[in-house]
Amino acid sequence: MGRKRITTFIPQEFLRQVGSGKTTLQIRKKQILFSQGDAAEAVFYILKGQVKLTVVSRQGKEAVVAVLGGGDFLGESCLAGQPKRLATVTSLEDSTVVRIDKTVMTRVLRDEPTFAELFLTYLLSRNVRIQEDLVDQLFNSAEKRLARILLLLANFGKEGKPEPVIAQVSQEMLAEMIGTTRSRVSFFMNKFRKLGFLNYNGGLHVHSSLLNIVLHD
């Protein structure tokens, strides 16, 4: 009688492979993945691309609350019993996203410790980011907030090589994210360019020297 082969569960393979309860979606630029108020029945994982999360108030005012990219999860609040989507997710560029049914996600989190660890690490990192965003809004100037969001969008501080910020992140969107006006964003962007902290060459490129603005008292 032969030995039973033990299959090692690899989280990244699970996220990339199509299977029961999982669907890989090709999302075009400006396409809506889900809308605020939709039923929350699945978790999404971004394989490639970038999306923005927007929220509309009862008065009709819209705000960009986050920009997420490859390696990020979306819609995880459904796992905590949230019945409706709290935000609208729209692609900023052609993106590849994996849709994982809530029941499948719950089962894998229960049965696969390696995946549960990866997901928990992500949630903790997201929680830290939310706290940093709050501190940023409360205590930092608009100039520092802009510098920080540009560095985050360019993936500084993450593993791998920093990337240029995509051109689709407009000055209006940046203004919404940091809570200021477009004219102020334009003023600071010109200042950063003149100081050599960023340049426009086939897209907006952010240099690590922009950290000087964030760290300066």
N, C-alpha and C. Protein backbone atom coordinates (compact mmCIF):
# COMPACT_ATOMS: atom_id res chain seq x y z
N MET A 1 0.85 -1.20 0.00
CA MET A 1 0.00 0.00 0.00
C MET A 1 0.89 1.25 0.00
N GLY A 2 0.73 2.12 -1.00
CA GLY A 2 1.61 3.28 -1.10
C GLY A 2 1.26 4.35 -0.09
N ARG A 3 2.24 5.21 0.13
CA ARG A 3 2.02 6.30 1.06
C ARG A 3 1.10 7.35 0.44
N LYS A 4 0.34 7.98 1.27
CA LYS A 4 -0.54 9.05 0.80
C LYS A 4 0.28 10.31 0.59
N ARG A 5 0.22 10.88 -0.61
CA ARG A 5 1.00 12.06 -0.92
C ARG A 5 0.37 13.30 -0.26
N ILE A 6 1.20 14.05 0.43
CA ILE A 6 0.74 15.26 1.12
C ILE A 6 0.99 16.46 0.21
N THR A 7 -0.05 17.16 -0.14
CA THR A 7 0.06 18.32 -1.00
C THR A 7 0.26 19.58 -0.17
N THR A 8 1.31 20.31 -0.46
CA THR A 8 1.59 21.55 0.25
C THR A 8 0.71 22.67 -0.30
N PHE A 9 0.04 23.37 0.59
CA PHE A 9 -0.81 24.48 0.18
C PHE A 9 0.04 25.73 0.02
N ILE A 10 0.02 26.32 -1.17
CA ILE A 10 0.79 27.53 -1.45
C ILE A 10 -0.20 28.67 -1.71
N PRO A 11 -0.28 29.64 -0.80
CA PRO A 11 -1.28 30.70 -0.91
C PRO A 11 -1.28 31.42 -2.26
N GLN A 12 -0.11 31.75 -2.80
CA GLN A 12 -0.07 32.48 -4.06
C GLN A 12 -0.62 31.66 -5.22
N GLU A 13 -0.40 30.36 -5.19
CA GLU A 13 -0.96 29.50 -6.23
C GLU A 13 -2.48 29.44 -6.11
N PHE A 14 -2.97 29.37 -4.87
CA PHE A 14 -4.42 29.37 -4.65
C PHE A 14 -5.04 30.64 -5.23
N LEU A 15 -4.37 31.77 -5.03
CA LEU A 15 -4.92 33.04 -5.48
C LEU A 15 -4.86 33.21 -7.00
N ARG A 16 -3.95 32.51 -7.65
CA ARG A 16 -3.78 32.65 -9.09
C ARG A 16 -4.57 31.63 -9.91
N GLN A 17 -4.88 30.49 -9.30
CA GLN A 17 -5.51 29.41 -10.05
C GLN A 17 -7.04 29.50 -9.99
N VAL A 18 -7.66 29.27 -11.12
CA VAL A 18 -9.13 29.23 -11.18
C VAL A 18 -9.61 27.92 -10.56
N GLY A 19 -10.68 27.97 -9.79
CA GLY A 19 -11.22 26.77 -9.17
C GLY A 19 -12.65 27.00 -8.74
N SER A 20 -13.22 26.03 -8.05
CA SER A 20 -14.59 26.14 -7.58
C SER A 20 -14.73 27.34 -6.64
N GLY A 21 -15.63 28.24 -6.97
CA GLY A 21 -15.85 29.42 -6.13
C GLY A 21 -14.87 30.54 -6.38
N LYS A 22 -14.01 30.39 -7.39
CA LYS A 22 -13.02 31.42 -7.73
C LYS A 22 -13.11 31.76 -9.21
N THR A 23 -13.04 33.03 -9.51
CA THR A 23 -13.12 33.47 -10.90
C THR A 23 -12.08 34.57 -11.13
N THR A 24 -11.34 34.47 -12.22
CA THR A 24 -10.39 35.52 -12.58
C THR A 24 -11.08 36.50 -13.52
N LEU A 25 -11.06 37.76 -13.16
CA LEU A 25 -11.74 38.80 -13.93
C LEU A 25 -10.74 39.74 -14.58
N GLN A 26 -10.97 40.06 -15.83
CA GLN A 26 -10.19 41.06 -16.54
C GLN A 26 -11.00 42.36 -16.53
N ILE A 27 -10.52 43.34 -15.79
CA ILE A 27 -11.26 44.58 -15.61
C ILE A 27 -10.63 45.68 -16.46
N ARG A 28 -11.43 46.28 -17.31
CA ARG A 28 -10.93 47.36 -18.16
C ARG A 28 -10.79 48.66 -17.37
N LYS A 29 -9.97 49.54 -17.91
CA LYS A 29 -9.80 50.86 -17.31
C LYS A 29 -11.16 51.56 -17.17
N LYS A 30 -11.41 52.12 -16.01
CA LYS A 30 -12.62 52.86 -15.65
C LYS A 30 -13.84 51.95 -15.44
N GLN A 31 -13.65 50.64 -15.48
CA GLN A 31 -14.76 49.72 -15.23
C GLN A 31 -15.00 49.58 -13.74
N ILE A 32 -16.28 49.49 -13.34
CA ILE A 32 -16.63 49.33 -11.93
C ILE A 32 -16.62 47.85 -11.56
N LEU A 33 -15.90 47.52 -10.50
CA LEU A 33 -15.85 46.14 -10.01
C LEU A 33 -17.08 45.85 -9.16
N PHE A 34 -17.38 46.73 -8.22
CA PHE A 34 -18.65 46.68 -7.50
C PHE A 34 -18.97 48.07 -6.99
N SER A 35 -20.24 48.30 -6.67
CA SER A 35 -20.72 49.63 -6.30
C SER A 35 -21.16 49.68 -4.84
N GLN A 36 -21.08 50.86 -4.29
CA GLN A 36 -21.55 51.10 -2.94
C GLN A 36 -23.02 50.69 -2.84
N GLY A 37 -23.34 49.84 -1.85
CA GLY A 37 -24.71 49.37 -1.68
C GLY A 37 -24.97 48.01 -2.27
N ASP A 38 -24.06 47.49 -3.11
CA ASP A 38 -24.22 46.14 -3.66
C ASP A 38 -24.12 45.09 -2.54
N ALA A 39 -24.71 43.94 -2.79
CA ALA A 39 -24.60 42.83 -1.83
C ALA A 39 -23.14 42.40 -1.72
N ALA A 40 -22.67 42.18 -0.50
CA ALA A 40 -21.28 41.77 -0.25
C ALA A 40 -21.23 40.25 -0.12
N GLU A 41 -20.82 39.60 -1.20
CA GLU A 41 -20.86 38.14 -1.24
C GLU A 41 -19.52 37.50 -1.59
N ALA A 42 -18.47 38.30 -1.73
CA ALA A 42 -17.18 37.75 -2.14
C ALA A 42 -16.05 38.67 -1.72
N VAL A 43 -14.86 38.09 -1.67
CA VAL A 43 -13.63 38.84 -1.43
C VAL A 43 -12.87 38.89 -2.76
N PHE A 44 -12.18 39.98 -3.02
CA PHE A 44 -11.42 40.12 -4.26
C PHE A 44 -9.93 40.29 -3.95
N TYR A 45 -9.11 39.80 -4.86
CA TYR A 45 -7.66 39.92 -4.73
C TYR A 45 -7.11 40.47 -6.04
N ILE A 46 -6.31 41.53 -5.96
CA ILE A 46 -5.77 42.16 -7.16
C ILE A 46 -4.46 41.47 -7.54
N LEU A 47 -4.46 40.84 -8.70
CA LEU A 47 -3.25 40.23 -9.22
C LEU A 47 -2.39 41.27 -9.94
N LYS A 48 -3.05 42.16 -10.68
CA LYS A 48 -2.32 43.16 -11.46
C LYS A 48 -3.21 44.36 -11.68
N GLY A 49 -2.61 45.55 -11.63
CA GLY A 49 -3.36 46.77 -11.90
C GLY A 49 -3.58 47.62 -10.66
N GLN A 50 -4.42 48.62 -10.79
CA GLN A 50 -4.75 49.50 -9.68
C GLN A 50 -6.23 49.87 -9.75
N VAL A 51 -6.81 50.06 -8.56
CA VAL A 51 -8.22 50.47 -8.47
C VAL A 51 -8.34 51.56 -7.42
N LYS A 52 -9.42 52.32 -7.51
CA LYS A 52 -9.70 53.33 -6.49
C LYS A 52 -10.99 52.98 -5.78
N LEU A 53 -11.06 53.31 -4.50
CA LEU A 53 -12.25 53.13 -3.69
C LEU A 53 -12.85 54.50 -3.43
N THR A 54 -14.12 54.67 -3.80
CA THR A 54 -14.79 55.94 -3.58
C THR A 54 -16.06 55.72 -2.77
N VAL A 55 -16.40 56.72 -1.97
CA VAL A 55 -17.60 56.69 -1.13
C VAL A 55 -18.42 57.94 -1.42
N VAL A 56 -19.73 57.77 -1.54
CA VAL A 56 -20.64 58.90 -1.77
C VAL A 56 -21.49 59.09 -0.52
N SER A 57 -21.52 60.32 -0.01
CA SER A 57 -22.32 60.62 1.17
C SER A 57 -23.78 60.75 0.81
N ARG A 58 -24.65 60.86 1.82
CA ARG A 58 -26.09 61.02 1.57
C ARG A 58 -26.37 62.33 0.86
N GLN A 59 -25.47 63.30 1.00
CA GLN A 59 -25.65 64.59 0.34
C GLN A 59 -25.12 64.56 -1.10
N GLY A 60 -24.57 63.40 -1.52
CA GLY A 60 -24.08 63.27 -2.88
C GLY A 60 -22.64 63.63 -3.10
N LYS A 61 -21.91 63.93 -2.02
CA LYS A 61 -20.50 64.28 -2.15
C LYS A 61 -19.67 63.00 -2.25
N GLU A 62 -18.77 62.97 -3.23
CA GLU A 62 -17.94 61.79 -3.46
C GLU A 62 -16.52 62.04 -3.00
N ALA A 63 -15.90 61.02 -2.39
CA ALA A 63 -14.52 61.13 -1.93
C ALA A 63 -13.76 59.85 -2.25
N VAL A 64 -12.51 60.01 -2.66
CA VAL A 64 -11.62 58.87 -2.88
C VAL A 64 -10.99 58.52 -1.53
N VAL A 65 -11.19 57.30 -1.07
CA VAL A 65 -10.69 56.91 0.24
C VAL A 65 -9.44 56.04 0.17
N ALA A 66 -9.16 55.46 -1.00
CA ALA A 66 -7.97 54.61 -1.11
C ALA A 66 -7.70 54.28 -2.57
N VAL A 67 -6.43 54.00 -2.86
CA VAL A 67 -6.01 53.44 -4.14
C VAL A 67 -5.24 52.17 -3.82
N LEU A 68 -5.66 51.04 -4.39
CA LEU A 68 -5.05 49.75 -4.09
C LEU A 68 -4.50 49.13 -5.36
N GLY A 69 -3.50 48.25 -5.20
CA GLY A 69 -2.87 47.64 -6.36
C GLY A 69 -2.55 46.18 -6.15
N GLY A 70 -1.67 45.65 -6.97
CA GLY A 70 -1.32 44.23 -6.92
C GLY A 70 -0.93 43.76 -5.53
N GLY A 71 -1.53 42.64 -5.11
CA GLY A 71 -1.25 42.09 -3.79
C GLY A 71 -2.23 42.51 -2.73
N ASP A 72 -3.17 43.40 -3.08
CA ASP A 72 -4.15 43.88 -2.11
C ASP A 72 -5.46 43.10 -2.22
N PHE A 73 -6.15 42.95 -1.08
CA PHE A 73 -7.49 42.35 -1.02
C PHE A 73 -8.54 43.46 -1.00
N LEU A 74 -9.74 43.12 -1.47
CA LEU A 74 -10.88 44.04 -1.46
C LEU A 74 -12.11 43.31 -0.94
N GLY A 75 -12.98 44.06 -0.30
CA GLY A 75 -14.28 43.49 0.08
C GLY A 75 -14.23 42.50 1.22
N GLU A 76 -13.15 42.53 2.01
CA GLU A 76 -13.02 41.54 3.09
C GLU A 76 -14.00 41.77 4.23
N SER A 77 -14.67 42.93 4.26
CA SER A 77 -15.63 43.20 5.34
C SER A 77 -16.81 42.24 5.31
N CYS A 78 -17.05 41.59 4.17
CA CYS A 78 -18.16 40.61 4.10
C CYS A 78 -17.90 39.44 5.03
N LEU A 79 -16.64 39.17 5.34
CA LEU A 79 -16.30 38.06 6.24
C LEU A 79 -16.71 38.36 7.68
N ALA A 80 -16.91 39.64 7.97
CA ALA A 80 -17.34 40.04 9.32
C ALA A 80 -18.84 40.26 9.38
N GLY A 81 -19.55 39.86 8.31
CA GLY A 81 -21.00 39.97 8.31
C GLY A 81 -21.55 41.24 7.70
N GLN A 82 -20.70 42.06 7.09
CA GLN A 82 -21.18 43.27 6.43
C GLN A 82 -21.99 42.89 5.20
N PRO A 83 -23.30 43.19 5.17
CA PRO A 83 -24.15 42.71 4.06
C PRO A 83 -24.03 43.52 2.78
N LYS A 84 -23.64 44.79 2.88
CA LYS A 84 -23.60 45.67 1.71
C LYS A 84 -22.20 46.27 1.54
N ARG A 85 -21.86 46.57 0.30
CA ARG A 85 -20.59 47.21 0.01
C ARG A 85 -20.62 48.66 0.50
N LEU A 86 -19.55 49.07 1.17
CA LEU A 86 -19.48 50.41 1.72
C LEU A 86 -18.84 51.40 0.77
N ALA A 87 -18.27 50.91 -0.33
CA ALA A 87 -17.59 51.79 -1.28
C ALA A 87 -17.77 51.26 -2.69
N THR A 88 -17.49 52.11 -3.66
CA THR A 88 -17.46 51.72 -5.06
C THR A 88 -16.01 51.54 -5.48
N VAL A 89 -15.73 50.45 -6.19
CA VAL A 89 -14.37 50.17 -6.65
C VAL A 89 -14.33 50.29 -8.17
N THR A 90 -13.45 51.15 -8.66
CA THR A 90 -13.31 51.40 -10.09
C THR A 90 -11.86 51.23 -10.50
N SER A 91 -11.63 50.56 -11.61
CA SER A 91 -10.25 50.34 -12.07
C SER A 91 -9.66 51.63 -12.64
N LEU A 92 -8.39 51.86 -12.33
CA LEU A 92 -7.67 53.00 -12.86
C LEU A 92 -6.91 52.63 -14.13
N GLU A 93 -6.74 51.34 -14.34
CA GLU A 93 -6.07 50.83 -15.54
C GLU A 93 -6.56 49.40 -15.76
N ASP A 94 -6.23 48.82 -16.89
CA ASP A 94 -6.60 47.42 -17.12
C ASP A 94 -6.02 46.56 -16.00
N SER A 95 -6.86 45.78 -15.35
CA SER A 95 -6.45 45.05 -14.15
C SER A 95 -6.94 43.60 -14.19
N THR A 96 -6.23 42.76 -13.46
CA THR A 96 -6.63 41.36 -13.30
C THR A 96 -6.96 41.13 -11.83
N VAL A 97 -8.19 40.70 -11.58
CA VAL A 97 -8.69 40.56 -10.22
C VAL A 97 -9.31 39.17 -10.04
N VAL A 98 -9.05 38.56 -8.89
CA VAL A 98 -9.63 37.26 -8.57
C VAL A 98 -10.81 37.45 -7.63
N ARG A 99 -11.95 36.90 -8.00
CA ARG A 99 -13.14 36.92 -7.14
C ARG A 99 -13.24 35.60 -6.41
N ILE A 100 -13.30 35.67 -5.07
CA ILE A 100 -13.37 34.46 -4.23
C ILE A 100 -14.68 34.49 -3.44
N ASP A 101 -15.54 33.52 -3.66
CA ASP A 101 -16.80 33.46 -2.93
C ASP A 101 -16.55 33.48 -1.42
N LYS A 102 -17.45 34.14 -0.72
CA LYS A 102 -17.31 34.25 0.74
C LYS A 102 -17.18 32.88 1.40
N THR A 103 -17.96 31.89 0.95
CA THR A 103 -17.90 30.55 1.57
C THR A 103 -16.54 29.88 1.33
N VAL A 104 -15.99 30.08 0.13
CA VAL A 104 -14.67 29.51 -0.18
C VAL A 104 -13.60 30.19 0.66
N MET A 105 -13.65 31.51 0.74
CA MET A 105 -12.67 32.26 1.53
C MET A 105 -12.72 31.84 3.00
N THR A 106 -13.91 31.68 3.53
CA THR A 106 -14.06 31.27 4.93
C THR A 106 -13.47 29.88 5.16
N ARG A 107 -13.72 28.98 4.22
CA ARG A 107 -13.22 27.61 4.36
C ARG A 107 -11.70 27.56 4.31
N VAL A 108 -11.10 28.30 3.37
CA VAL A 108 -9.64 28.29 3.24
C VAL A 108 -8.98 28.93 4.46
N LEU A 109 -9.57 29.98 4.97
CA LEU A 109 -9.02 30.61 6.18
C LEU A 109 -9.07 29.65 7.37
N ARG A 110 -10.10 28.82 7.40
CA ARG A 110 -10.25 27.86 8.50
C ARG A 110 -9.31 26.67 8.34
N ASP A 111 -9.13 26.20 7.11
CA ASP A 111 -8.40 24.94 6.89
C ASP A 111 -6.93 25.10 6.55
N GLU A 112 -6.51 26.28 6.11
CA GLU A 112 -5.13 26.46 5.64
C GLU A 112 -4.42 27.54 6.45
N PRO A 113 -3.62 27.14 7.45
CA PRO A 113 -2.93 28.11 8.31
C PRO A 113 -2.02 29.08 7.55
N THR A 114 -1.37 28.59 6.49
CA THR A 114 -0.46 29.48 5.76
C THR A 114 -1.21 30.62 5.08
N PHE A 115 -2.39 30.31 4.56
CA PHE A 115 -3.19 31.35 3.93
C PHE A 115 -3.77 32.29 4.98
N ALA A 116 -4.20 31.72 6.10
CA ALA A 116 -4.74 32.53 7.18
C ALA A 116 -3.68 33.51 7.70
N GLU A 117 -2.43 33.05 7.76
CA GLU A 117 -1.34 33.92 8.21
C GLU A 117 -1.12 35.06 7.22
N LEU A 118 -1.12 34.73 5.92
CA LEU A 118 -0.94 35.76 4.89
C LEU A 118 -2.05 36.80 4.97
N PHE A 119 -3.28 36.33 5.11
CA PHE A 119 -4.42 37.24 5.14
C PHE A 119 -4.41 38.10 6.40
N LEU A 120 -4.06 37.49 7.54
CA LEU A 120 -4.00 38.24 8.79
C LEU A 120 -2.92 39.31 8.73
N THR A 121 -1.77 38.96 8.14
CA THR A 121 -0.69 39.93 7.99
C THR A 121 -1.15 41.11 7.14
N TYR A 122 -1.91 40.81 6.08
CA TYR A 122 -2.42 41.87 5.23
C TYR A 122 -3.38 42.77 6.01
N LEU A 123 -4.30 42.17 6.75
CA LEU A 123 -5.27 42.97 7.51
C LEU A 123 -4.59 43.85 8.55
N LEU A 124 -3.56 43.32 9.21
CA LEU A 124 -2.84 44.11 10.21
C LEU A 124 -2.12 45.28 9.54
N SER A 125 -1.53 45.01 8.37
CA SER A 125 -0.85 46.08 7.64
C SER A 125 -1.85 47.14 7.21
N ARG A 126 -3.02 46.71 6.75
CA ARG A 126 -4.06 47.66 6.35
C ARG A 126 -4.52 48.50 7.55
N ASN A 127 -4.64 47.87 8.71
CA ASN A 127 -5.05 48.58 9.92
C ASN A 127 -4.02 49.64 10.31
N VAL A 128 -2.73 49.26 10.21
CA VAL A 128 -1.67 50.22 10.50
C VAL A 128 -1.75 51.39 9.54
N ARG A 129 -1.99 51.10 8.25
CA ARG A 129 -2.09 52.15 7.24
C ARG A 129 -3.24 53.10 7.56
N ILE A 130 -4.38 52.56 7.98
CA ILE A 130 -5.54 53.40 8.32
C ILE A 130 -5.19 54.32 9.49
N GLN A 131 -4.50 53.79 10.50
CA GLN A 131 -4.10 54.61 11.64
C GLN A 131 -3.13 55.71 11.21
N GLU A 132 -2.18 55.35 10.33
CA GLU A 132 -1.24 56.35 9.84
C GLU A 132 -1.94 57.42 9.03
N ASP A 133 -2.95 57.02 8.24
CA ASP A 133 -3.73 57.98 7.47
C ASP A 133 -4.44 58.98 8.39
N LEU A 134 -4.99 58.47 9.50
CA LEU A 134 -5.70 59.33 10.44
C LEU A 134 -4.74 60.33 11.08
N VAL A 135 -3.58 59.84 11.52
CA VAL A 135 -2.58 60.73 12.11
C VAL A 135 -2.13 61.77 11.08
N ASP A 136 -1.96 61.32 9.85
CA ASP A 136 -1.54 62.20 8.76
C ASP A 136 -2.54 63.34 8.57
N GLN A 137 -3.84 62.99 8.56
CA GLN A 137 -4.88 64.01 8.36
C GLN A 137 -4.96 64.97 9.54
N LEU A 138 -4.73 64.46 10.76
CA LEU A 138 -4.89 65.28 11.95
C LEU A 138 -3.72 66.24 12.20
N PHE A 139 -2.50 65.79 11.89
CA PHE A 139 -1.34 66.54 12.34
C PHE A 139 -0.41 67.06 11.25
N ASN A 140 -0.48 66.53 10.05
CA ASN A 140 0.46 66.93 9.02
C ASN A 140 -0.13 67.96 8.06
N SER A 141 0.73 68.76 7.48
CA SER A 141 0.31 69.76 6.51
C SER A 141 -0.11 69.09 5.21
N ALA A 142 -0.82 69.84 4.36
CA ALA A 142 -1.23 69.31 3.06
C ALA A 142 -0.03 68.90 2.23
N GLU A 143 1.07 69.64 2.34
CA GLU A 143 2.29 69.33 1.59
C GLU A 143 2.84 67.96 2.01
N LYS A 144 2.91 67.71 3.30
CA LYS A 144 3.41 66.42 3.79
C LYS A 144 2.45 65.29 3.43
N ARG A 145 1.15 65.55 3.49
CA ARG A 145 0.17 64.52 3.15
C ARG A 145 0.30 64.13 1.68
N LEU A 146 0.51 65.12 0.82
CA LEU A 146 0.69 64.83 -0.61
C LEU A 146 1.96 64.04 -0.85
N ALA A 147 3.05 64.43 -0.22
CA ALA A 147 4.31 63.70 -0.38
C ALA A 147 4.16 62.25 0.06
N ARG A 148 3.47 62.04 1.16
CA ARG A 148 3.29 60.68 1.68
C ARG A 148 2.45 59.83 0.74
N ILE A 149 1.35 60.39 0.22
CA ILE A 149 0.48 59.59 -0.64
C ILE A 149 1.17 59.27 -1.96
N LEU A 150 2.01 60.17 -2.46
CA LEU A 150 2.76 59.90 -3.69
C LEU A 150 3.76 58.76 -3.47
N LEU A 151 4.42 58.76 -2.32
CA LEU A 151 5.36 57.69 -2.00
C LEU A 151 4.64 56.35 -1.86
N LEU A 152 3.46 56.37 -1.25
CA LEU A 152 2.69 55.15 -1.09
C LEU A 152 2.21 54.62 -2.44
N LEU A 153 1.77 55.51 -3.31
CA LEU A 153 1.31 55.09 -4.63
C LEU A 153 2.44 54.52 -5.47
N ALA A 154 3.67 54.98 -5.21
CA ALA A 154 4.83 54.48 -5.94
C ALA A 154 5.44 53.25 -5.26
N ASN A 155 4.76 52.74 -4.21
CA ASN A 155 5.17 51.50 -3.53
C ASN A 155 6.46 51.62 -2.73
N PHE A 156 6.87 52.83 -2.37
CA PHE A 156 8.03 52.96 -1.50
C PHE A 156 7.69 52.37 -0.13
N GLY A 157 8.59 51.57 0.39
CA GLY A 157 8.36 50.90 1.67
C GLY A 157 7.86 49.49 1.50
N LYS A 158 7.43 49.11 0.27
CA LYS A 158 7.02 47.74 -0.01
C LYS A 158 8.18 46.97 -0.62
N GLU A 159 8.04 45.65 -0.62
CA GLU A 159 9.05 44.83 -1.25
C GLU A 159 9.05 45.06 -2.75
N GLY A 160 10.23 44.95 -3.35
CA GLY A 160 10.31 45.13 -4.80
C GLY A 160 10.72 46.54 -5.16
N LYS A 161 10.94 46.76 -6.42
CA LYS A 161 11.39 48.05 -6.93
C LYS A 161 10.24 49.04 -7.00
N PRO A 162 10.47 50.28 -6.53
CA PRO A 162 9.42 51.29 -6.65
C PRO A 162 9.02 51.49 -8.11
N GLU A 163 7.75 51.83 -8.31
CA GLU A 163 7.22 51.99 -9.65
C GLU A 163 6.76 53.43 -9.86
N PRO A 164 6.70 53.87 -11.12
CA PRO A 164 6.16 55.21 -11.37
C PRO A 164 4.68 55.26 -11.01
N VAL A 165 4.25 56.39 -10.52
CA VAL A 165 2.83 56.57 -10.25
C VAL A 165 2.11 56.67 -11.58
N ILE A 166 1.02 55.95 -11.73
CA ILE A 166 0.30 55.95 -13.01
C ILE A 166 -0.32 57.31 -13.27
N ALA A 167 -0.37 57.67 -14.54
CA ALA A 167 -0.86 58.99 -14.94
C ALA A 167 -2.34 59.18 -14.61
N GLN A 168 -3.08 58.05 -14.45
CA GLN A 168 -4.53 58.16 -14.21
C GLN A 168 -4.86 58.74 -12.84
N VAL A 169 -3.89 58.80 -11.94
CA VAL A 169 -4.15 59.42 -10.64
C VAL A 169 -4.03 60.92 -10.83
N SER A 170 -5.17 61.55 -11.03
CA SER A 170 -5.20 62.97 -11.36
C SER A 170 -4.97 63.84 -10.13
N GLN A 171 -4.73 65.12 -10.39
CA GLN A 171 -4.55 66.06 -9.28
C GLN A 171 -5.85 66.21 -8.49
N GLU A 172 -6.99 66.11 -9.18
CA GLU A 172 -8.27 66.16 -8.47
C GLU A 172 -8.41 65.01 -7.49
N MET A 173 -8.00 63.82 -7.92
CA MET A 173 -8.08 62.65 -7.06
C MET A 173 -7.14 62.79 -5.86
N LEU A 174 -5.93 63.27 -6.12
CA LEU A 174 -4.98 63.48 -5.03
C LEU A 174 -5.53 64.49 -4.02
N ALA A 175 -6.17 65.53 -4.53
CA ALA A 175 -6.76 66.54 -3.64
C ALA A 175 -7.83 65.93 -2.75
N GLU A 176 -8.67 65.06 -3.32
CA GLU A 176 -9.71 64.39 -2.53
C GLU A 176 -9.09 63.51 -1.45
N MET A 177 -8.00 62.82 -1.80
CA MET A 177 -7.39 61.86 -0.88
C MET A 177 -6.71 62.55 0.30
N ILE A 178 -6.19 63.75 0.10
CA ILE A 178 -5.47 64.40 1.19
C ILE A 178 -6.28 65.54 1.83
N GLY A 179 -7.46 65.81 1.28
CA GLY A 179 -8.33 66.81 1.89
C GLY A 179 -7.90 68.24 1.64
N THR A 180 -7.61 68.58 0.39
CA THR A 180 -7.25 69.95 0.05
C THR A 180 -7.80 70.26 -1.34
N THR A 181 -7.39 71.39 -1.90
CA THR A 181 -7.88 71.79 -3.22
C THR A 181 -6.92 71.37 -4.33
N ARG A 182 -7.45 71.31 -5.55
CA ARG A 182 -6.61 70.96 -6.68
C ARG A 182 -5.50 71.99 -6.89
N SER A 183 -5.81 73.26 -6.67
CA SER A 183 -4.80 74.31 -6.88
C SER A 183 -3.63 74.14 -5.92
N ARG A 184 -3.91 73.71 -4.68
CA ARG A 184 -2.83 73.47 -3.72
C ARG A 184 -1.98 72.27 -4.15
N VAL A 185 -2.65 71.23 -4.63
CA VAL A 185 -1.91 70.07 -5.13
C VAL A 185 -1.02 70.47 -6.29
N SER A 186 -1.55 71.26 -7.22
CA SER A 186 -0.77 71.71 -8.37
C SER A 186 0.46 72.51 -7.92
N PHE A 187 0.26 73.37 -6.93
CA PHE A 187 1.37 74.19 -6.41
C PHE A 187 2.47 73.30 -5.83
N PHE A 188 2.07 72.31 -5.01
CA PHE A 188 3.07 71.44 -4.38
C PHE A 188 3.74 70.52 -5.40
N MET A 189 2.98 70.04 -6.38
CA MET A 189 3.56 69.18 -7.40
C MET A 189 4.64 69.92 -8.19
N ASN A 190 4.37 71.18 -8.52
CA ASN A 190 5.37 72.00 -9.22
C ASN A 190 6.59 72.22 -8.35
N LYS A 191 6.36 72.43 -7.07
CA LYS A 191 7.47 72.61 -6.13
C LYS A 191 8.33 71.35 -6.06
N PHE A 192 7.68 70.18 -5.94
CA PHE A 192 8.41 68.91 -5.86
C PHE A 192 9.22 68.67 -7.14
N ARG A 193 8.62 69.05 -8.28
CA ARG A 193 9.32 68.85 -9.56
C ARG A 193 10.57 69.73 -9.64
N LYS A 194 10.44 70.99 -9.24
CA LYS A 194 11.57 71.91 -9.28
C LYS A 194 12.69 71.49 -8.33
N LEU A 195 12.32 70.84 -7.23
CA LEU A 195 13.31 70.36 -6.26
C LEU A 195 13.93 69.03 -6.68
N GLY A 196 13.41 68.43 -7.77
CA GLY A 196 13.96 67.16 -8.25
C GLY A 196 13.41 65.94 -7.55
N PHE A 197 12.29 66.10 -6.83
CA PHE A 197 11.71 64.97 -6.09
C PHE A 197 10.84 64.09 -7.00
N LEU A 198 10.41 64.65 -8.12
CA LEU A 198 9.64 63.87 -9.09
C LEU A 198 9.85 64.45 -10.47
N ASN A 199 9.55 63.65 -11.48
CA ASN A 199 9.64 64.14 -12.85
C ASN A 199 8.60 63.43 -13.71
N TYR A 200 8.28 64.04 -14.84
CA TYR A 200 7.31 63.48 -15.78
C TYR A 200 8.05 62.97 -17.00
N ASN A 201 8.07 61.65 -17.16
CA ASN A 201 8.75 61.03 -18.30
C ASN A 201 8.03 59.73 -18.62
N GLY A 202 6.99 59.84 -19.48
CA GLY A 202 6.17 58.67 -19.75
C GLY A 202 5.35 58.26 -18.55
N GLY A 203 4.98 59.22 -17.74
CA GLY A 203 4.28 58.94 -16.48
C GLY A 203 4.94 59.72 -15.37
N LEU A 204 4.31 59.76 -14.23
CA LEU A 204 4.84 60.50 -13.09
C LEU A 204 5.79 59.60 -12.31
N HIS A 205 7.07 59.99 -12.22
CA HIS A 205 8.06 59.21 -11.48
C HIS A 205 8.40 59.90 -10.17
N VAL A 206 8.32 59.15 -9.08
CA VAL A 206 8.59 59.68 -7.75
C VAL A 206 9.94 59.16 -7.27
N HIS A 207 10.76 60.06 -6.75
CA HIS A 207 12.08 59.68 -6.25
C HIS A 207 12.06 59.57 -4.73
N SER A 208 12.91 58.71 -4.20
CA SER A 208 12.95 58.49 -2.75
C SER A 208 13.30 59.76 -1.99
N SER A 209 13.92 60.72 -2.66
CA SER A 209 14.29 61.98 -2.00
C SER A 209 13.06 62.76 -1.53
N LEU A 210 11.86 62.39 -2.05
CA LEU A 210 10.64 63.04 -1.59
C LEU A 210 10.39 62.76 -0.11
N LEU A 211 11.04 61.75 0.43
CA LEU A 211 10.94 61.46 1.87
C LEU A 211 11.41 62.66 2.71
N ASN A 212 12.26 63.50 2.12
CA ASN A 212 12.74 64.69 2.85
C ASN A 212 11.59 65.59 3.27
N ILE A 213 10.55 65.66 2.44
CA ILE A 213 9.38 66.48 2.77
C ILE A 213 8.62 65.86 3.93
N VAL A 214 8.46 64.52 3.90
CA VAL A 214 7.70 63.83 4.94
C VAL A 214 8.43 63.91 6.29
N LEU A 215 9.74 63.78 6.26
CA LEU A 215 10.53 63.70 7.49
C LEU A 215 10.91 65.06 8.05
N HIS A 216 10.77 66.11 7.23
CA HIS A 216 11.18 67.44 7.67
C HIS A 216 10.19 68.01 8.67
N ASP A 217 10.69 68.53 9.80
CA ASP A 217 9.85 69.14 10.82
C ASP A 217 9.61 70.62 10.53
